[in-house]
Structure formats: structure tokens, C-alpha cells
Amino acid sequence: MNKMSIEYCTMWGYLDKALSLRETIEKRFGIKAELIKGTGGVFEVTLNNSLIFSKKELGRFPDDNEISDIIDEYEYVT
């Protein structure tokens, strides 16, 4: 079973983005991501304890299908 988490910045109001991403991932893959409150502008997505997206590293939010594409690739590899 896959384990996913989305750490989002509460200071900058990223909760809506985190909820939207969680809903998309749950509908498409059946994975219910854990939401983790953070600070400092973070929007970090992990899958099975591996960081798969980092706003902190990339300086941007994921594109519309970016996380889904990463999960598709991950599922193909594992």
C-alpha cells in the first residue's frame, strides 16, 4: 500500500492547494494523502517516504498533472 503526504505552508495559505491535490490523487489512485502543516512556504509531496516534489527546491507549485505523472512513473518502476 502506498503512503503519501503533502506538507503545506499554513502561513501562506496553501491548504486549498493541498486539499485539491489530495482529492485528485485519491480519485485517480485511491491514495489518501496525509496533510501536514508546515511553514516557510513549503509544499512538499512524499510517496512512500521519498520526496517526489518540492516547491522549496523548484521554486514553484506542481503543474496540473505533474504529481499524477510522477506517481504513474513510480508505479511503473516499483
Protein backbone atom coordinates (compact mmCIF):
# COMPACT_ATOMS: atom_id res chain seq x y z
CA MET A 1 0.00 0.00 0.00
CA ASN A 2 1.33 3.41 -0.95
CA LYS A 3 1.75 6.09 1.68
CA MET A 4 1.65 9.73 0.66
CA SER A 5 1.94 13.04 2.47
CA ILE A 6 1.61 16.67 1.47
CA GLU A 7 3.30 19.23 3.68
CA TYR A 8 1.85 22.68 3.06
CA CYS A 9 2.54 26.15 4.42
CA THR A 10 -0.16 27.44 6.74
CA MET A 11 1.34 30.95 6.81
CA TRP A 12 0.88 31.42 3.06
CA GLY A 13 -2.49 29.68 2.88
CA TYR A 14 -1.57 26.62 0.79
CA LEU A 15 -4.24 24.42 2.38
CA ASP A 16 -6.61 24.72 -0.62
CA LYS A 17 -3.85 23.58 -3.00
CA ALA A 18 -3.04 20.64 -0.71
CA LEU A 19 -6.70 19.63 -0.43
CA SER A 20 -7.18 19.84 -4.20
CA LEU A 21 -4.09 17.72 -4.86
CA ARG A 22 -5.15 15.17 -2.22
CA GLU A 23 -8.61 14.87 -3.83
CA THR A 24 -7.12 14.41 -7.31
CA ILE A 25 -4.69 11.72 -6.10
CA GLU A 26 -7.38 9.90 -4.13
CA LYS A 27 -9.77 9.82 -7.10
CA ARG A 28 -7.13 8.69 -9.58
CA PHE A 29 -5.00 6.32 -7.50
CA GLY A 30 -7.02 5.54 -4.37
CA ILE A 31 -4.25 7.01 -2.20
CA LYS A 32 -5.38 9.30 0.61
CA ALA A 33 -2.51 11.62 1.36
CA GLU A 34 -1.82 12.79 4.88
CA LEU A 35 -1.81 16.58 5.14
CA ILE A 36 0.98 18.03 7.28
CA LYS A 37 1.02 21.64 8.42
CA GLY A 38 4.28 23.44 7.73
CA THR A 39 5.75 26.92 7.46
CA GLY A 40 8.22 28.81 5.34
CA GLY A 41 6.40 28.49 2.01
CA VAL A 42 6.73 24.70 1.80
CA PHE A 43 4.71 22.46 -0.48
CA GLU A 44 6.44 19.08 -0.25
CA VAL A 45 4.96 15.85 -1.58
CA THR A 46 6.29 12.47 -0.47
CA LEU A 47 5.39 8.99 -1.68
CA ASN A 48 6.49 6.01 0.40
CA ASN A 49 8.88 8.27 2.34
CA SER A 50 10.55 9.55 -0.86
CA LEU A 51 10.30 13.24 -1.74
CA ILE A 52 8.71 13.39 -5.20
CA PHE A 53 8.03 17.14 -5.40
CA SER A 54 9.48 20.11 -3.54
CA LYS A 55 8.31 23.68 -4.05
CA LYS A 56 11.22 24.68 -1.83
CA GLU A 57 13.72 23.13 -4.27
CA LEU A 58 11.97 24.08 -7.53
CA GLY A 59 10.54 27.47 -6.53
CA ARG A 60 7.09 26.66 -7.93
CA PHE A 61 3.96 24.63 -7.42
CA PRO A 62 3.46 21.44 -9.42
CA ASP A 63 1.77 21.72 -12.82
CA ASP A 64 -1.76 20.30 -13.14
CA ASN A 65 -0.81 16.69 -13.90
CA GLU A 66 2.78 16.69 -12.68
CA ILE A 67 2.21 14.74 -9.46
CA SER A 68 -0.05 12.22 -11.23
CA ASP A 69 2.64 11.70 -13.88
CA ILE A 70 5.28 11.15 -11.20
CA ILE A 71 3.05 8.60 -9.44
CA ASP A 72 2.40 6.84 -12.77
CA GLU A 73 6.16 6.57 -13.34
CA TYR A 74 6.71 5.42 -9.75
CA GLU A 75 4.04 2.73 -10.04
CA TYR A 76 5.59 1.56 -13.30
CA VAL A 77 9.05 1.28 -11.72
CA THR A 78 8.02 -0.46 -8.48
